[in-house]
C-alpha atoms as a PDB file:
ATOM      1  CA  MET A   1       0.009  -0.018  -0.007  1.00  0.00           C
ATOM      2  CA  LYS A   2       1.197   3.472  -0.888  1.00  0.00           C
ATOM      3  CA  ASN A   3      -0.281   6.748   0.345  1.00  0.00           C
ATOM      4  CA  PHE A   4      -0.412   9.983  -1.589  1.00  0.00           C
ATOM      5  CA  ILE A   5      -2.112  13.310  -1.393  1.00  0.00           C
ATOM      6  CA  CYS A   6      -3.804  14.092  -4.696  1.00  0.00           C
ATOM      7  CA  ILE A   7      -2.779  17.395  -6.299  1.00  0.00           C
ATOM      8  CA  MET A   8      -5.260  17.363  -9.183  1.00  0.00           C
ATOM      9  CA  CYS A   9      -7.705  19.726  -7.515  1.00  0.00           C
ATOM     10  CA  PRO A  10      -7.813  21.871  -4.337  1.00  0.00           C
ATOM     11  CA  LYS A  11      -9.437  19.141  -2.241  1.00  0.00           C
ATOM     12  CA  GLY A  12      -6.158  17.285  -1.598  1.00  0.00           C
ATOM     13  CA  CYS A  13      -7.708  13.867  -1.142  1.00  0.00           C
ATOM     14  CA  HIS A  14      -5.681  11.319   0.844  1.00  0.00           C
ATOM     15  CA  LEU A  15      -5.249   8.411  -1.518  1.00  0.00           C
ATOM     16  CA  THR A  16      -4.290   4.840  -0.803  1.00  0.00           C
ATOM     17  CA  VAL A  17      -3.035   2.688  -3.679  1.00  0.00           C
ATOM     18  CA  ASN A  18      -3.112  -1.060  -3.255  1.00  0.00           C
ATOM     19  CA  GLU A  19      -0.239  -2.371  -5.407  1.00  0.00           C
ATOM     20  CA  SER A  20      -1.210  -6.019  -4.848  1.00  0.00           C
ATOM     21  CA  ASN A  21      -4.747  -5.443  -6.098  1.00  0.00           C
ATOM     22  CA  ASP A  22      -4.087  -4.019  -9.578  1.00  0.00           C
ATOM     23  CA  TYR A  23      -3.289  -0.555  -8.173  1.00  0.00           C
ATOM     24  CA  GLN A  24      -6.792  -0.111  -6.753  1.00  0.00           C
ATOM     25  CA  VAL A  25      -7.166   3.505  -5.504  1.00  0.00           C
ATOM     26  CA  SER A  26      -9.276   4.517  -2.512  1.00  0.00           C
ATOM     27  CA  GLY A  27      -9.839   7.848  -0.788  1.00  0.00           C
ATOM     28  CA  HIS A  28     -10.574   9.771  -3.980  1.00  0.00           C
ATOM     29  CA  SER A  29     -13.563  12.011  -4.539  1.00  0.00           C
ATOM     30  CA  CYS A  30     -13.290  12.080  -8.324  1.00  0.00           C
ATOM     31  CA  ASN A  31     -11.812  10.135 -11.253  1.00  0.00           C
ATOM     32  CA  LYS A  32      -8.844  12.489 -11.420  1.00  0.00           C
ATOM     33  CA  GLY A  33      -7.689  11.020  -8.111  1.00  0.00           C
ATOM     34  CA  VAL A  34      -7.836   7.467  -9.507  1.00  0.00           C
ATOM     35  CA  LYS A  35      -5.713   8.472 -12.530  1.00  0.00           C
ATOM     36  CA  TYR A  36      -3.213  10.424 -10.373  1.00  0.00           C
ATOM     37  CA  GLY A  37      -2.898   7.666  -7.769  1.00  0.00           C
ATOM     38  CA  LYS A  38      -2.240   4.945 -10.357  1.00  0.00           C
ATOM     39  CA  ALA A  39       0.267   7.111 -12.214  1.00  0.00           C
ATOM     40  CA  GLU A  40       2.082   8.137  -9.054  1.00  0.00           C
ATOM     41  CA  ALA A  41       2.400   4.535  -7.888  1.00  0.00           C
ATOM     42  CA  THR A  42       3.474   3.085 -11.259  1.00  0.00           C
ATOM     43  CA  HIS A  43       5.412   5.815 -13.082  1.00  0.00           C
ATOM     44  CA  PRO A  44       5.793   9.087 -11.145  1.00  0.00           C
ATOM     45  CA  VAL A  45       6.820  12.093 -13.308  1.00  0.00           C
ATOM     46  CA  ARG A  46       7.544  15.742 -12.559  1.00  0.00           C
ATOM     47  CA  VAL A  47       7.696  18.912 -14.626  1.00  0.00           C
ATOM     48  CA  VAL A  48      10.973  20.657 -13.849  1.00  0.00           C
ATOM     49  CA  THR A  49      11.199  24.459 -13.770  1.00  0.00           C
ATOM     50  CA  SER A  50      14.484  26.307 -13.440  1.00  0.00           C
ATOM     51  CA  THR A  51      16.630  29.051 -14.925  1.00  0.00           C
ATOM     52  CA  VAL A  52      19.541  28.985 -17.379  1.00  0.00           C
ATOM     53  CA  ALA A  53      22.333  31.436 -18.015  1.00  0.00           C
ATOM     54  CA  VAL A  54      22.028  33.941 -20.843  1.00  0.00           C
ATOM     55  CA  TYR A  55      24.937  35.966 -22.206  1.00  0.00           C
ATOM     56  CA  ASP A  56      24.954  39.129 -24.316  1.00  0.00           C
ATOM     57  CA  GLY A  57      21.472  40.038 -23.062  1.00  0.00           C
ATOM     58  CA  HIS A  58      19.665  42.492 -20.855  1.00  0.00           C
ATOM     59  CA  SER A  59      19.301  39.768 -18.212  1.00  0.00           C
ATOM     60  CA  ARG A  60      21.722  37.074 -17.119  1.00  0.00           C
ATOM     61  CA  LEU A  61      19.045  34.422 -16.623  1.00  0.00           C
ATOM     62  CA  CYS A  62      15.885  33.182 -18.271  1.00  0.00           C
ATOM     63  CA  SER A  63      13.269  30.806 -16.955  1.00  0.00           C
ATOM     64  CA  VAL A  64      12.808  27.330 -18.492  1.00  0.00           C
ATOM     65  CA  LYS A  65      10.682  24.271 -17.892  1.00  0.00           C
ATOM     66  CA  THR A  66      10.343  20.779 -19.270  1.00  0.00           C
ATOM     67  CA  ALA A  67       7.647  20.563 -21.937  1.00  0.00           C
ATOM     68  CA  ASP A  68       6.200  17.492 -20.128  1.00  0.00           C
ATOM     69  CA  GLY A  69       6.890  15.453 -17.087  1.00  0.00           C
ATOM     70  CA  ILE A  70      10.110  13.447 -16.825  1.00  0.00           C
ATOM     71  CA  PRO A  71      10.649  10.410 -14.568  1.00  0.00           C
ATOM     72  CA  LYS A  72      10.870  11.559 -10.972  1.00  0.00           C
ATOM     73  CA  ASN A  73      14.125   9.647 -10.436  1.00  0.00           C
ATOM     74  CA  SER A  74      15.764  11.665 -13.235  1.00  0.00           C
ATOM     75  CA  VAL A  75      15.105  15.096 -11.781  1.00  0.00           C
ATOM     76  CA  LEU A  76      18.535  15.577 -10.155  1.00  0.00           C
ATOM     77  CA  LYS A  77      20.352  14.462 -13.334  1.00  0.00           C
ATOM     78  CA  ALA A  78      18.144  16.769 -15.351  1.00  0.00           C
ATOM     79  CA  MET A  79      19.006  19.721 -13.073  1.00  0.00           C
ATOM     80  CA  LYS A  80      22.746  19.066 -13.551  1.00  0.00           C
ATOM     81  CA  GLU A  81      22.261  19.225 -17.342  1.00  0.00           C
ATOM     82  CA  ILE A  82      20.020  22.301 -17.169  1.00  0.00           C
ATOM     83  CA  ASN A  83      22.571  24.081 -14.933  1.00  0.00           C
ATOM     84  CA  ASN A  84      25.216  23.663 -17.628  1.00  0.00           C
ATOM     85  CA  VAL A  85      23.260  25.411 -20.327  1.00  0.00           C
ATOM     86  CA  GLN A  86      24.194  28.901 -21.611  1.00  0.00           C
ATOM     87  CA  LEU A  87      22.020  30.606 -24.204  1.00  0.00           C
ATOM     88  CA  LYS A  88      22.939  33.592 -26.338  1.00  0.00           C
ATOM     89  CA  ALA A  89      20.473  36.466 -26.361  1.00  0.00           C
ATOM     90  CA  PRO A  90      18.013  37.084 -27.767  1.00  0.00           C
ATOM     91  CA  VAL A  91      15.874  34.260 -26.486  1.00  0.00           C
ATOM     92  CA  GLN A  92      12.128  34.004 -26.945  1.00  0.00           C
ATOM     93  CA  ILE A  93       9.391  32.142 -25.158  1.00  0.00           C
ATOM     94  CA  GLY A  94       9.134  28.688 -26.726  1.00  0.00           C
ATOM     95  CA  ASP A  95      12.749  28.422 -27.798  1.00  0.00           C
ATOM     96  CA  ILE A  96      14.274  25.035 -27.072  1.00  0.00           C
ATOM     97  CA  ALA A  97      17.051  25.225 -24.487  1.00  0.00           C
ATOM     98  CA  ILE A  98      17.722  21.503 -24.463  1.00  0.00           C
ATOM     99  CA  GLU A  99      16.399  18.977 -26.958  1.00  0.00           C
ATOM    100  CA  ASN A 100      15.484  15.507 -25.732  1.00  0.00           C
ATOM    101  CA  LEU A 101      16.579  15.953 -22.132  1.00  0.00           C
ATOM    102  CA  LEU A 102      18.399  12.826 -20.890  1.00  0.00           C
ATOM    103  CA  GLY A 103      16.908  10.816 -23.742  1.00  0.00           C
ATOM    104  CA  THR A 104      13.403  11.192 -22.357  1.00  0.00           C
ATOM    105  CA  GLY A 105      12.005  12.702 -25.497  1.00  0.00           C
ATOM    106  CA  VAL A 106      11.101  15.793 -23.506  1.00  0.00           C
ATOM    107  CA  ASP A 107      12.526  19.204 -24.426  1.00  0.00           C
ATOM    108  CA  VAL A 108      13.421  22.003 -22.063  1.00  0.00           C
ATOM    109  CA  ILE A 109      11.722  25.173 -23.309  1.00  0.00           C
ATOM    110  CA  VAL A 110      12.317  28.844 -22.564  1.00  0.00           C
ATOM    111  CA  THR A 111       9.494  30.508 -20.659  1.00  0.00           C
ATOM    112  CA  SER A 112      10.718  34.131 -20.561  1.00  0.00           C
ATOM    113  CA  GLU A 113      12.253  36.547 -23.055  1.00  0.00           C
ATOM    114  CA  VAL A 114      15.685  38.141 -22.888  1.00  0.00           C
ATOM    115  CA  GLN A 115      16.533  40.824 -25.435  1.00  0.00           C
ATOM    116  CA  ALA A 116      20.089  41.225 -26.762  1.00  0.00           C
ATOM    117  CA  SER A 117      22.077  44.039 -25.208  1.00  0.00           C
END
């Protein structure tokens, strides 16, 4: 049995997932809780948000995030890779900072603009 607090809505239901019973979920008040509980028990993922260095721009940093969730156990490795990125200004929202992060098929995209200086 695994216990989670559902984050799919403001209720914060306390979920219990029974791994030995086909990942049966209890404690949910809607179907979103069932989906979240099963996913969290079988293949937890996280969207990573951070900043990367920018040179020749009006700002030294820009914000980035993964375009989708990556495996939770890869977050620290992902942060090491993200921390090594340096972009040249100008950068625009939607630019790809890292393509195919750690072979996950998920890109890291820019979420703020930095104009060239």
